[in-house]
Amino acid sequence: MFALANVPYTDRRFAFEDWPKLKGSHPFIFGQSPVLEVDGKVLAESNTINRFVANRYGFAGNSEWERAQVDSLADLHHTYFSRVRPFYGVACKYWEGDQQALLHSNFLPERDLFFGILTKFIEENETESGFLVGDSLTYADLLLLSHVLIFRNWVPELTDGWPRIAEHTDKLKSMPKMAEYLASRPHSIQ
């Protein structure tokens, strides 16, 4: 969101193997990542960070109702991600398991539920903008794009059979600032 809003920022990343020695130190106030540090103050938790940045830079929706819808979709994403964690953890090699079996027993059924709900939001959006909510880009759209970009690493056919999701992804990726950011950002699976 910072890149899309032309806001200067520092993207600090670390190697997974360095995490055990970092997690008890500043700025990891809850012993977990990610964190956002603004003017010496630290925020933790992905959803909190997303909401803060979205509200500050115009990615939260254009009305009270849109903001509530966007928050609802962000919470849905969080719930969905917790449900596909068994597949994700094996795919990232955080723990061992049968990735192919989890793809079919865990990931694909949950993906179908999630994509079904999001497709309905896109189709029922009265603005016909192609966004999930309203007529402008929100952090709910960005969460979906991030999800698709990450999970295509393991499931290249992720959006097959989901044309609205594929169109949404293509729309966001083709936005000039987004394309520039995606071309220049450091590679990260997680």
N, C-alpha and C. Protein backbone atom coordinates (compact mmCIF):
# COMPACT_ATOMS: atom_id res chain seq x y z
N MET A 1 0.82 -1.19 0.00
CA MET A 1 0.00 0.00 0.00
C MET A 1 0.86 1.25 0.00
N PHE A 2 2.02 1.18 0.68
CA PHE A 2 2.89 2.34 0.69
C PHE A 2 3.34 2.69 -0.72
N ALA A 3 3.76 1.70 -1.49
CA ALA A 3 4.22 1.94 -2.86
C ALA A 3 3.08 2.51 -3.71
N LEU A 4 1.89 1.98 -3.56
CA LEU A 4 0.75 2.45 -4.34
C LEU A 4 0.35 3.88 -3.98
N ALA A 5 0.60 4.27 -2.74
CA ALA A 5 0.27 5.62 -2.27
C ALA A 5 1.44 6.59 -2.40
N ASN A 6 2.56 6.12 -2.99
CA ASN A 6 3.77 6.95 -3.13
C ASN A 6 4.28 7.46 -1.79
N VAL A 7 4.23 6.60 -0.78
CA VAL A 7 4.71 6.94 0.56
C VAL A 7 6.05 6.25 0.77
N PRO A 8 7.10 7.00 1.12
CA PRO A 8 8.40 6.37 1.38
C PRO A 8 8.30 5.38 2.54
N TYR A 9 8.99 4.26 2.41
CA TYR A 9 8.97 3.24 3.45
C TYR A 9 10.23 2.39 3.33
N THR A 10 10.52 1.68 4.39
CA THR A 10 11.62 0.72 4.39
C THR A 10 11.03 -0.66 4.61
N ASP A 11 11.31 -1.56 3.70
CA ASP A 11 10.83 -2.94 3.76
C ASP A 11 11.97 -3.79 4.31
N ARG A 12 11.87 -4.14 5.58
CA ARG A 12 12.92 -4.95 6.22
C ARG A 12 12.47 -6.40 6.26
N ARG A 13 13.24 -7.25 5.66
CA ARG A 13 12.92 -8.68 5.64
C ARG A 13 14.06 -9.44 6.30
N PHE A 14 13.78 -10.65 6.69
CA PHE A 14 14.80 -11.48 7.32
C PHE A 14 14.61 -12.91 6.87
N ALA A 15 15.68 -13.67 6.97
CA ALA A 15 15.62 -15.08 6.59
C ALA A 15 14.89 -15.87 7.68
N PHE A 16 14.15 -16.88 7.26
CA PHE A 16 13.37 -17.70 8.18
C PHE A 16 14.25 -18.26 9.31
N GLU A 17 15.46 -18.67 8.96
CA GLU A 17 16.35 -19.26 9.97
C GLU A 17 16.84 -18.24 11.00
N ASP A 18 16.72 -16.95 10.70
CA ASP A 18 17.12 -15.91 11.66
C ASP A 18 16.01 -15.56 12.65
N TRP A 19 14.79 -16.03 12.38
CA TRP A 19 13.65 -15.65 13.20
C TRP A 19 13.80 -16.01 14.68
N PRO A 20 14.27 -17.20 15.05
CA PRO A 20 14.34 -17.53 16.48
C PRO A 20 15.14 -16.52 17.31
N LYS A 21 16.21 -15.97 16.76
CA LYS A 21 16.99 -15.00 17.53
C LYS A 21 16.41 -13.58 17.47
N LEU A 22 15.54 -13.31 16.50
CA LEU A 22 14.94 -11.98 16.36
C LEU A 22 13.65 -11.81 17.15
N LYS A 23 12.88 -12.88 17.30
CA LYS A 23 11.50 -12.72 17.76
C LYS A 23 11.35 -12.19 19.19
N GLY A 24 12.36 -12.26 19.99
CA GLY A 24 12.27 -11.73 21.34
C GLY A 24 12.77 -10.31 21.46
N SER A 25 13.13 -9.70 20.34
CA SER A 25 13.74 -8.37 20.37
C SER A 25 12.81 -7.31 19.80
N HIS A 26 13.21 -6.05 19.99
CA HIS A 26 12.48 -4.93 19.40
C HIS A 26 12.67 -5.00 17.89
N PRO A 27 11.70 -4.78 17.08
CA PRO A 27 10.37 -4.25 17.33
C PRO A 27 9.28 -5.32 17.42
N PHE A 28 9.63 -6.57 17.62
CA PHE A 28 8.64 -7.65 17.59
C PHE A 28 7.93 -7.75 18.94
N ILE A 29 7.02 -6.81 19.19
CA ILE A 29 6.41 -6.63 20.50
C ILE A 29 5.58 -7.82 20.96
N PHE A 30 5.03 -8.58 20.04
CA PHE A 30 4.26 -9.77 20.41
C PHE A 30 5.04 -11.04 20.15
N GLY A 31 6.32 -10.89 19.82
CA GLY A 31 7.13 -12.06 19.49
C GLY A 31 6.74 -12.68 18.16
N GLN A 32 6.15 -11.86 17.29
CA GLN A 32 5.78 -12.37 15.98
C GLN A 32 5.92 -11.27 14.93
N SER A 33 5.89 -11.69 13.69
CA SER A 33 6.03 -10.80 12.56
C SER A 33 4.77 -10.94 11.70
N PRO A 34 4.36 -9.91 10.99
CA PRO A 34 5.04 -8.64 10.73
C PRO A 34 4.74 -7.59 11.79
N VAL A 35 5.54 -6.54 11.71
CA VAL A 35 5.30 -5.35 12.52
C VAL A 35 5.43 -4.13 11.62
N LEU A 36 4.83 -3.05 12.05
CA LEU A 36 4.96 -1.77 11.36
C LEU A 36 5.44 -0.77 12.39
N GLU A 37 6.51 -0.08 12.04
CA GLU A 37 7.04 0.95 12.93
C GLU A 37 6.82 2.31 12.27
N VAL A 38 6.12 3.19 12.98
CA VAL A 38 5.82 4.53 12.48
C VAL A 38 6.21 5.53 13.56
N ASP A 39 7.14 6.40 13.24
CA ASP A 39 7.57 7.44 14.18
C ASP A 39 7.95 6.85 15.54
N GLY A 40 8.65 5.73 15.53
CA GLY A 40 9.11 5.11 16.76
C GLY A 40 8.07 4.29 17.50
N LYS A 41 6.86 4.22 16.97
CA LYS A 41 5.78 3.43 17.58
C LYS A 41 5.59 2.16 16.75
N VAL A 42 5.27 1.07 17.44
CA VAL A 42 5.18 -0.23 16.76
C VAL A 42 3.76 -0.78 16.82
N LEU A 43 3.29 -1.26 15.68
CA LEU A 43 2.03 -2.00 15.58
C LEU A 43 2.35 -3.43 15.19
N ALA A 44 1.62 -4.36 15.76
CA ALA A 44 1.77 -5.77 15.40
C ALA A 44 0.44 -6.28 14.86
N GLU A 45 0.47 -7.47 14.30
CA GLU A 45 -0.68 -8.18 13.74
C GLU A 45 -1.02 -7.66 12.34
N SER A 46 -1.03 -8.57 11.40
CA SER A 46 -1.26 -8.23 9.99
C SER A 46 -2.54 -7.44 9.77
N ASN A 47 -3.65 -7.91 10.32
CA ASN A 47 -4.92 -7.22 10.09
C ASN A 47 -4.92 -5.81 10.64
N THR A 48 -4.32 -5.62 11.80
CA THR A 48 -4.23 -4.28 12.39
C THR A 48 -3.38 -3.37 11.51
N ILE A 49 -2.25 -3.88 11.07
CA ILE A 49 -1.37 -3.10 10.20
C ILE A 49 -2.09 -2.74 8.90
N ASN A 50 -2.72 -3.72 8.29
CA ASN A 50 -3.45 -3.46 7.04
C ASN A 50 -4.51 -2.39 7.22
N ARG A 51 -5.30 -2.49 8.28
CA ARG A 51 -6.37 -1.51 8.51
C ARG A 51 -5.79 -0.10 8.75
N PHE A 52 -4.73 -0.04 9.54
CA PHE A 52 -4.10 1.25 9.83
C PHE A 52 -3.61 1.91 8.55
N VAL A 53 -2.85 1.18 7.76
CA VAL A 53 -2.29 1.74 6.52
C VAL A 53 -3.41 2.06 5.53
N ALA A 54 -4.38 1.17 5.41
CA ALA A 54 -5.50 1.39 4.49
C ALA A 54 -6.28 2.65 4.86
N ASN A 55 -6.55 2.83 6.13
CA ASN A 55 -7.28 4.03 6.57
C ASN A 55 -6.45 5.29 6.35
N ARG A 56 -5.18 5.20 6.59
CA ARG A 56 -4.32 6.37 6.47
C ARG A 56 -4.14 6.80 5.01
N TYR A 57 -4.08 5.83 4.09
CA TYR A 57 -3.72 6.16 2.71
C TYR A 57 -4.81 5.88 1.68
N GLY A 58 -6.04 5.66 2.13
CA GLY A 58 -7.15 5.61 1.19
C GLY A 58 -7.47 4.27 0.57
N PHE A 59 -7.15 3.17 1.24
CA PHE A 59 -7.44 1.84 0.71
C PHE A 59 -8.46 1.09 1.57
N ALA A 60 -9.26 1.83 2.33
CA ALA A 60 -10.19 1.19 3.27
C ALA A 60 -11.64 1.23 2.80
N GLY A 61 -11.93 1.89 1.70
CA GLY A 61 -13.31 2.07 1.25
C GLY A 61 -13.68 3.53 1.35
N ASN A 62 -14.71 3.92 0.60
CA ASN A 62 -15.06 5.34 0.49
C ASN A 62 -16.24 5.77 1.35
N SER A 63 -16.80 4.87 2.10
CA SER A 63 -17.90 5.22 3.00
C SER A 63 -17.81 4.30 4.22
N GLU A 64 -18.59 4.62 5.21
CA GLU A 64 -18.61 3.78 6.41
C GLU A 64 -18.99 2.35 6.06
N TRP A 65 -20.00 2.18 5.19
CA TRP A 65 -20.45 0.84 4.81
C TRP A 65 -19.36 0.10 4.03
N GLU A 66 -18.72 0.79 3.09
CA GLU A 66 -17.64 0.15 2.33
C GLU A 66 -16.51 -0.27 3.26
N ARG A 67 -16.15 0.59 4.21
CA ARG A 67 -15.08 0.24 5.15
C ARG A 67 -15.45 -1.01 5.95
N ALA A 68 -16.70 -1.11 6.35
CA ALA A 68 -17.15 -2.30 7.08
C ALA A 68 -17.08 -3.54 6.19
N GLN A 69 -17.49 -3.41 4.93
CA GLN A 69 -17.41 -4.54 4.01
C GLN A 69 -15.96 -4.97 3.79
N VAL A 70 -15.08 -4.00 3.61
CA VAL A 70 -13.67 -4.30 3.39
C VAL A 70 -13.09 -5.00 4.63
N ASP A 71 -13.39 -4.49 5.81
CA ASP A 71 -12.93 -5.14 7.04
C ASP A 71 -13.47 -6.56 7.15
N SER A 72 -14.72 -6.75 6.77
CA SER A 72 -15.33 -8.07 6.80
C SER A 72 -14.60 -9.03 5.87
N LEU A 73 -14.27 -8.57 4.67
CA LEU A 73 -13.54 -9.42 3.72
C LEU A 73 -12.12 -9.71 4.21
N ALA A 74 -11.50 -8.73 4.87
CA ALA A 74 -10.17 -8.97 5.44
C ALA A 74 -10.24 -10.01 6.54
N ASP A 75 -11.27 -9.94 7.36
CA ASP A 75 -11.44 -10.95 8.41
C ASP A 75 -11.74 -12.32 7.80
N LEU A 76 -12.53 -12.34 6.72
CA LEU A 76 -12.78 -13.60 6.01
C LEU A 76 -11.47 -14.19 5.50
N HIS A 77 -10.61 -13.34 4.94
CA HIS A 77 -9.31 -13.81 4.45
C HIS A 77 -8.50 -14.42 5.59
N HIS A 78 -8.51 -13.76 6.73
CA HIS A 78 -7.78 -14.26 7.90
C HIS A 78 -8.31 -15.64 8.32
N THR A 79 -9.62 -15.79 8.36
CA THR A 79 -10.23 -17.07 8.71
C THR A 79 -9.88 -18.13 7.69
N TYR A 80 -10.00 -17.78 6.42
CA TYR A 80 -9.66 -18.70 5.33
C TYR A 80 -8.21 -19.15 5.44
N PHE A 81 -7.31 -18.18 5.66
CA PHE A 81 -5.90 -18.52 5.74
C PHE A 81 -5.63 -19.47 6.90
N SER A 82 -6.31 -19.29 8.02
CA SER A 82 -6.12 -20.22 9.14
C SER A 82 -6.60 -21.61 8.77
N ARG A 83 -7.61 -21.69 7.92
CA ARG A 83 -8.14 -23.00 7.50
C ARG A 83 -7.22 -23.72 6.52
N VAL A 84 -6.47 -22.98 5.70
CA VAL A 84 -5.57 -23.62 4.74
C VAL A 84 -4.14 -23.73 5.28
N ARG A 85 -3.97 -23.39 6.53
CA ARG A 85 -2.65 -23.46 7.16
C ARG A 85 -2.01 -24.84 7.08
N PRO A 86 -2.75 -25.94 7.20
CA PRO A 86 -2.10 -27.25 7.06
C PRO A 86 -1.37 -27.40 5.71
N PHE A 87 -2.03 -27.00 4.63
CA PHE A 87 -1.40 -27.07 3.31
C PHE A 87 -0.25 -26.07 3.21
N TYR A 88 -0.48 -24.85 3.64
CA TYR A 88 0.52 -23.78 3.55
C TYR A 88 1.81 -24.16 4.30
N GLY A 89 1.66 -24.68 5.50
CA GLY A 89 2.83 -25.04 6.30
C GLY A 89 3.69 -26.10 5.63
N VAL A 90 3.04 -27.08 5.01
CA VAL A 90 3.79 -28.12 4.29
C VAL A 90 4.41 -27.54 3.03
N ALA A 91 3.65 -26.73 2.29
CA ALA A 91 4.16 -26.13 1.05
C ALA A 91 5.38 -25.25 1.33
N CYS A 92 5.37 -24.53 2.45
CA CYS A 92 6.50 -23.68 2.84
C CYS A 92 7.62 -24.46 3.51
N LYS A 93 7.37 -25.74 3.75
CA LYS A 93 8.34 -26.61 4.42
C LYS A 93 8.57 -26.21 5.88
N TYR A 94 7.53 -25.64 6.51
CA TYR A 94 7.58 -25.35 7.94
C TYR A 94 7.45 -26.64 8.73
N TRP A 95 6.71 -27.59 8.19
CA TRP A 95 6.56 -28.91 8.80
C TRP A 95 6.34 -29.92 7.69
N GLU A 96 6.45 -31.18 8.05
CA GLU A 96 6.32 -32.24 7.06
C GLU A 96 4.87 -32.68 6.91
N GLY A 97 4.56 -33.17 5.73
CA GLY A 97 3.24 -33.67 5.44
C GLY A 97 3.13 -33.99 3.97
N ASP A 98 2.03 -34.55 3.58
CA ASP A 98 1.78 -34.92 2.19
C ASP A 98 1.12 -33.73 1.48
N GLN A 99 1.93 -32.95 0.79
CA GLN A 99 1.43 -31.73 0.17
C GLN A 99 0.32 -32.02 -0.85
N GLN A 100 0.49 -33.07 -1.64
CA GLN A 100 -0.52 -33.39 -2.65
C GLN A 100 -1.84 -33.80 -2.00
N ALA A 101 -1.76 -34.60 -0.95
CA ALA A 101 -2.99 -35.00 -0.25
C ALA A 101 -3.67 -33.79 0.38
N LEU A 102 -2.88 -32.90 1.00
CA LEU A 102 -3.44 -31.70 1.62
C LEU A 102 -4.00 -30.73 0.59
N LEU A 103 -3.42 -30.72 -0.59
CA LEU A 103 -3.96 -29.89 -1.66
C LEU A 103 -5.42 -30.25 -1.91
N HIS A 104 -5.68 -31.55 -1.99
CA HIS A 104 -7.03 -32.02 -2.32
C HIS A 104 -7.97 -32.08 -1.11
N SER A 105 -7.44 -32.43 0.05
CA SER A 105 -8.32 -32.58 1.22
C SER A 105 -8.52 -31.27 1.98
N ASN A 106 -7.56 -30.37 1.88
CA ASN A 106 -7.60 -29.13 2.66
C ASN A 106 -7.73 -27.90 1.77
N PHE A 107 -6.73 -27.67 0.95
CA PHE A 107 -6.65 -26.40 0.24
C PHE A 107 -7.76 -26.17 -0.77
N LEU A 108 -7.94 -27.09 -1.72
CA LEU A 108 -8.90 -26.85 -2.80
C LEU A 108 -10.34 -26.67 -2.31
N PRO A 109 -10.83 -27.48 -1.36
CA PRO A 109 -12.19 -27.22 -0.87
C PRO A 109 -12.34 -25.84 -0.20
N GLU A 110 -11.33 -25.44 0.56
CA GLU A 110 -11.38 -24.13 1.21
C GLU A 110 -11.26 -23.01 0.18
N ARG A 111 -10.38 -23.20 -0.81
CA ARG A 111 -10.25 -22.21 -1.88
C ARG A 111 -11.57 -22.01 -2.60
N ASP A 112 -12.27 -23.11 -2.87
CA ASP A 112 -13.54 -23.01 -3.59
C ASP A 112 -14.57 -22.21 -2.79
N LEU A 113 -14.63 -22.42 -1.49
CA LEU A 113 -15.54 -21.62 -0.65
C LEU A 113 -15.16 -20.14 -0.68
N PHE A 114 -13.88 -19.87 -0.49
CA PHE A 114 -13.36 -18.50 -0.44
C PHE A 114 -13.57 -17.79 -1.77
N PHE A 115 -13.15 -18.42 -2.86
CA PHE A 115 -13.30 -17.81 -4.18
C PHE A 115 -14.77 -17.64 -4.55
N GLY A 116 -15.62 -18.55 -4.10
CA GLY A 116 -17.05 -18.42 -4.36
C GLY A 116 -17.62 -17.15 -3.73
N ILE A 117 -17.25 -16.90 -2.49
CA ILE A 117 -17.72 -15.70 -1.79
C ILE A 117 -17.18 -14.44 -2.47
N LEU A 118 -15.89 -14.45 -2.81
CA LEU A 118 -15.30 -13.26 -3.42
C LEU A 118 -15.85 -13.01 -4.82
N THR A 119 -16.11 -14.07 -5.56
CA THR A 119 -16.73 -13.92 -6.88
C THR A 119 -18.08 -13.23 -6.75
N LYS A 120 -18.85 -13.63 -5.76
CA LYS A 120 -20.16 -13.02 -5.54
C LYS A 120 -20.01 -11.52 -5.24
N PHE A 121 -19.01 -11.15 -4.44
CA PHE A 121 -18.78 -9.74 -4.14
C PHE A 121 -18.45 -8.96 -5.41
N ILE A 122 -17.58 -9.52 -6.25
CA ILE A 122 -17.21 -8.83 -7.49
C ILE A 122 -18.44 -8.67 -8.39
N GLU A 123 -19.20 -9.75 -8.54
CA GLU A 123 -20.36 -9.73 -9.43
C GLU A 123 -21.49 -8.84 -8.91
N GLU A 124 -21.64 -8.75 -7.60
CA GLU A 124 -22.73 -7.96 -7.03
C GLU A 124 -22.33 -6.53 -6.68
N ASN A 125 -21.08 -6.18 -6.96
CA ASN A 125 -20.63 -4.81 -6.72
C ASN A 125 -21.37 -3.90 -7.71
N GLU A 126 -22.22 -3.04 -7.18
CA GLU A 126 -23.07 -2.18 -8.01
C GLU A 126 -22.29 -1.25 -8.93
N THR A 127 -21.04 -0.97 -8.61
CA THR A 127 -20.25 -0.06 -9.44
C THR A 127 -19.73 -0.75 -10.70
N GLU A 128 -19.78 -2.08 -10.73
CA GLU A 128 -19.25 -2.87 -11.85
C GLU A 128 -17.79 -2.51 -12.15
N SER A 129 -17.04 -2.19 -11.10
CA SER A 129 -15.66 -1.74 -11.23
C SER A 129 -14.66 -2.88 -11.37
N GLY A 130 -15.08 -4.09 -11.02
CA GLY A 130 -14.14 -5.20 -10.99
C GLY A 130 -13.43 -5.33 -9.66
N PHE A 131 -13.66 -4.38 -8.75
CA PHE A 131 -13.10 -4.47 -7.41
C PHE A 131 -14.08 -5.22 -6.51
N LEU A 132 -13.61 -5.65 -5.37
CA LEU A 132 -14.47 -6.37 -4.43
C LEU A 132 -15.55 -5.47 -3.83
N VAL A 133 -15.17 -4.25 -3.49
CA VAL A 133 -16.08 -3.31 -2.83
C VAL A 133 -15.89 -1.93 -3.46
N GLY A 134 -16.98 -1.30 -3.82
CA GLY A 134 -16.92 0.07 -4.32
C GLY A 134 -16.23 0.20 -5.66
N ASP A 135 -15.79 1.44 -5.94
CA ASP A 135 -15.22 1.72 -7.25
C ASP A 135 -13.73 2.01 -7.21
N SER A 136 -13.07 1.65 -6.11
CA SER A 136 -11.63 1.89 -6.01
C SER A 136 -10.95 0.74 -5.29
N LEU A 137 -9.65 0.68 -5.47
CA LEU A 137 -8.81 -0.35 -4.87
C LEU A 137 -8.86 -0.27 -3.35
N THR A 138 -9.07 -1.42 -2.70
CA THR A 138 -9.05 -1.49 -1.24
C THR A 138 -8.06 -2.56 -0.80
N TYR A 139 -7.80 -2.57 0.48
CA TYR A 139 -6.87 -3.58 0.98
C TYR A 139 -7.45 -4.98 0.88
N ALA A 140 -8.75 -5.13 0.78
CA ALA A 140 -9.33 -6.45 0.53
C ALA A 140 -8.91 -6.96 -0.85
N ASP A 141 -8.90 -6.07 -1.84
CA ASP A 141 -8.41 -6.44 -3.17
C ASP A 141 -6.95 -6.86 -3.11
N LEU A 142 -6.17 -6.12 -2.34
CA LEU A 142 -4.74 -6.41 -2.23
C LEU A 142 -4.48 -7.73 -1.51
N LEU A 143 -5.30 -8.06 -0.52
CA LEU A 143 -5.17 -9.35 0.15
C LEU A 143 -5.43 -10.49 -0.83
N LEU A 144 -6.45 -10.33 -1.66
CA LEU A 144 -6.75 -11.37 -2.65
C LEU A 144 -5.60 -11.50 -3.65
N LEU A 145 -5.10 -10.38 -4.14
CA LEU A 145 -3.97 -10.43 -5.08
C LEU A 145 -2.77 -11.11 -4.44
N SER A 146 -2.44 -10.74 -3.23
CA SER A 146 -1.31 -11.34 -2.53
C SER A 146 -1.50 -12.85 -2.39
N HIS A 147 -2.71 -13.24 -2.02
CA HIS A 147 -3.01 -14.67 -1.89
C HIS A 147 -2.77 -15.40 -3.20
N VAL A 148 -3.30 -14.86 -4.29
CA VAL A 148 -3.15 -15.52 -5.59
C VAL A 148 -1.67 -15.61 -5.97
N LEU A 149 -0.93 -14.52 -5.80
CA LEU A 149 0.49 -14.53 -6.18
C LEU A 149 1.29 -15.53 -5.35
N ILE A 150 0.99 -15.63 -4.07
CA ILE A 150 1.71 -16.58 -3.21
C ILE A 150 1.34 -18.02 -3.55
N PHE A 151 0.06 -18.32 -3.59
CA PHE A 151 -0.36 -19.71 -3.74
C PHE A 151 -0.16 -20.25 -5.15
N ARG A 152 0.00 -19.38 -6.14
CA ARG A 152 0.33 -19.87 -7.49
C ARG A 152 1.71 -20.50 -7.52
N ASN A 153 2.55 -20.23 -6.52
CA ASN A 153 3.84 -20.90 -6.44
C ASN A 153 3.67 -22.41 -6.32
N TRP A 154 2.61 -22.87 -5.68
CA TRP A 154 2.38 -24.29 -5.45
C TRP A 154 1.21 -24.83 -6.25
N VAL A 155 0.31 -23.94 -6.63
CA VAL A 155 -0.90 -24.34 -7.37
C VAL A 155 -1.02 -23.41 -8.59
N PRO A 156 -0.22 -23.68 -9.65
CA PRO A 156 -0.22 -22.78 -10.81
C PRO A 156 -1.61 -22.57 -11.42
N GLU A 157 -2.46 -23.57 -11.32
CA GLU A 157 -3.81 -23.50 -11.90
C GLU A 157 -4.82 -22.93 -10.89
N LEU A 158 -4.35 -22.19 -9.92
CA LEU A 158 -5.16 -21.70 -8.80
C LEU A 158 -6.47 -21.05 -9.23
N THR A 159 -6.44 -20.22 -10.25
CA THR A 159 -7.64 -19.49 -10.65
C THR A 159 -8.39 -20.14 -11.81
N ASP A 160 -7.93 -21.31 -12.26
CA ASP A 160 -8.66 -22.02 -13.31
C ASP A 160 -10.07 -22.32 -12.80
N GLY A 161 -11.06 -22.02 -13.60
CA GLY A 161 -12.45 -22.23 -13.19
C GLY A 161 -13.01 -21.07 -12.39
N TRP A 162 -12.20 -20.07 -12.15
CA TRP A 162 -12.62 -18.89 -11.38
C TRP A 162 -12.32 -17.64 -12.20
N PRO A 163 -13.08 -17.42 -13.28
CA PRO A 163 -12.75 -16.32 -14.19
C PRO A 163 -12.78 -14.93 -13.55
N ARG A 164 -13.70 -14.69 -12.64
CA ARG A 164 -13.76 -13.37 -11.99
C ARG A 164 -12.52 -13.12 -11.13
N ILE A 165 -12.04 -14.17 -10.47
CA ILE A 165 -10.83 -14.03 -9.64
C ILE A 165 -9.63 -13.79 -10.55
N ALA A 166 -9.55 -14.53 -11.66
CA ALA A 166 -8.45 -14.34 -12.61
C ALA A 166 -8.47 -12.92 -13.20
N GLU A 167 -9.66 -12.44 -13.57
CA GLU A 167 -9.79 -11.08 -14.11
C GLU A 167 -9.38 -10.04 -13.07
N HIS A 168 -9.79 -10.26 -11.84
CA HIS A 168 -9.45 -9.34 -10.74
C HIS A 168 -7.94 -9.28 -10.57
N THR A 169 -7.30 -10.44 -10.56
CA THR A 169 -5.85 -10.50 -10.42
C THR A 169 -5.17 -9.77 -11.57
N ASP A 170 -5.60 -10.04 -12.79
CA ASP A 170 -5.01 -9.39 -13.96
C ASP A 170 -5.21 -7.88 -13.91
N LYS A 171 -6.39 -7.45 -13.50
CA LYS A 171 -6.70 -6.01 -13.40
C LYS A 171 -5.72 -5.33 -12.44
N LEU A 172 -5.54 -5.92 -11.26
CA LEU A 172 -4.66 -5.31 -10.27
C LEU A 172 -3.21 -5.33 -10.73
N LYS A 173 -2.77 -6.46 -11.29
CA LYS A 173 -1.39 -6.57 -11.75
C LYS A 173 -1.07 -5.59 -12.87
N SER A 174 -2.08 -5.19 -13.64
CA SER A 174 -1.85 -4.29 -14.77
C SER A 174 -1.90 -2.81 -14.38
N MET A 175 -2.28 -2.52 -13.15
CA MET A 175 -2.27 -1.12 -12.70
C MET A 175 -0.81 -0.65 -12.68
N PRO A 176 -0.50 0.50 -13.29
CA PRO A 176 0.91 0.90 -13.43
C PRO A 176 1.73 0.87 -12.13
N LYS A 177 1.22 1.44 -11.06
CA LYS A 177 1.98 1.44 -9.81
C LYS A 177 2.15 0.02 -9.26
N MET A 178 1.13 -0.81 -9.44
CA MET A 178 1.22 -2.20 -8.98
C MET A 178 2.24 -2.96 -9.80
N ALA A 179 2.20 -2.80 -11.11
CA ALA A 179 3.15 -3.49 -11.98
C ALA A 179 4.59 -3.08 -11.62
N GLU A 180 4.78 -1.80 -11.38
CA GLU A 180 6.11 -1.31 -10.99
C GLU A 180 6.55 -1.92 -9.67
N TYR A 181 5.66 -1.94 -8.70
CA TYR A 181 5.99 -2.52 -7.39
C TYR A 181 6.31 -4.01 -7.52
N LEU A 182 5.47 -4.76 -8.22
CA LEU A 182 5.69 -6.20 -8.35
C LEU A 182 7.00 -6.51 -9.05
N ALA A 183 7.40 -5.66 -9.99
CA ALA A 183 8.66 -5.88 -10.71
C ALA A 183 9.88 -5.57 -9.86
N SER A 184 9.71 -4.73 -8.84
CA SER A 184 10.88 -4.29 -8.07
C SER A 184 10.96 -4.84 -6.65
N ARG A 185 9.89 -5.43 -6.15
CA ARG A 185 9.89 -5.88 -4.75
C ARG A 185 10.82 -7.09 -4.56
N PRO A 186 11.35 -7.23 -3.36
CA PRO A 186 12.15 -8.42 -3.07
C PRO A 186 11.27 -9.67 -3.14
N HIS A 187 11.84 -10.76 -3.62
CA HIS A 187 11.08 -12.00 -3.71
C HIS A 187 10.78 -12.52 -2.30
N SER A 188 9.56 -12.97 -2.13
CA SER A 188 9.16 -13.56 -0.86
C SER A 188 7.98 -14.48 -1.10
N ILE A 189 8.06 -15.72 -0.64
CA ILE A 189 6.93 -16.64 -0.76
C ILE A 189 5.89 -16.28 0.28
N GLN A 190 6.31 -16.03 1.52
CA GLN A 190 5.38 -15.77 2.60
C GLN A 190 5.04 -14.32 2.53
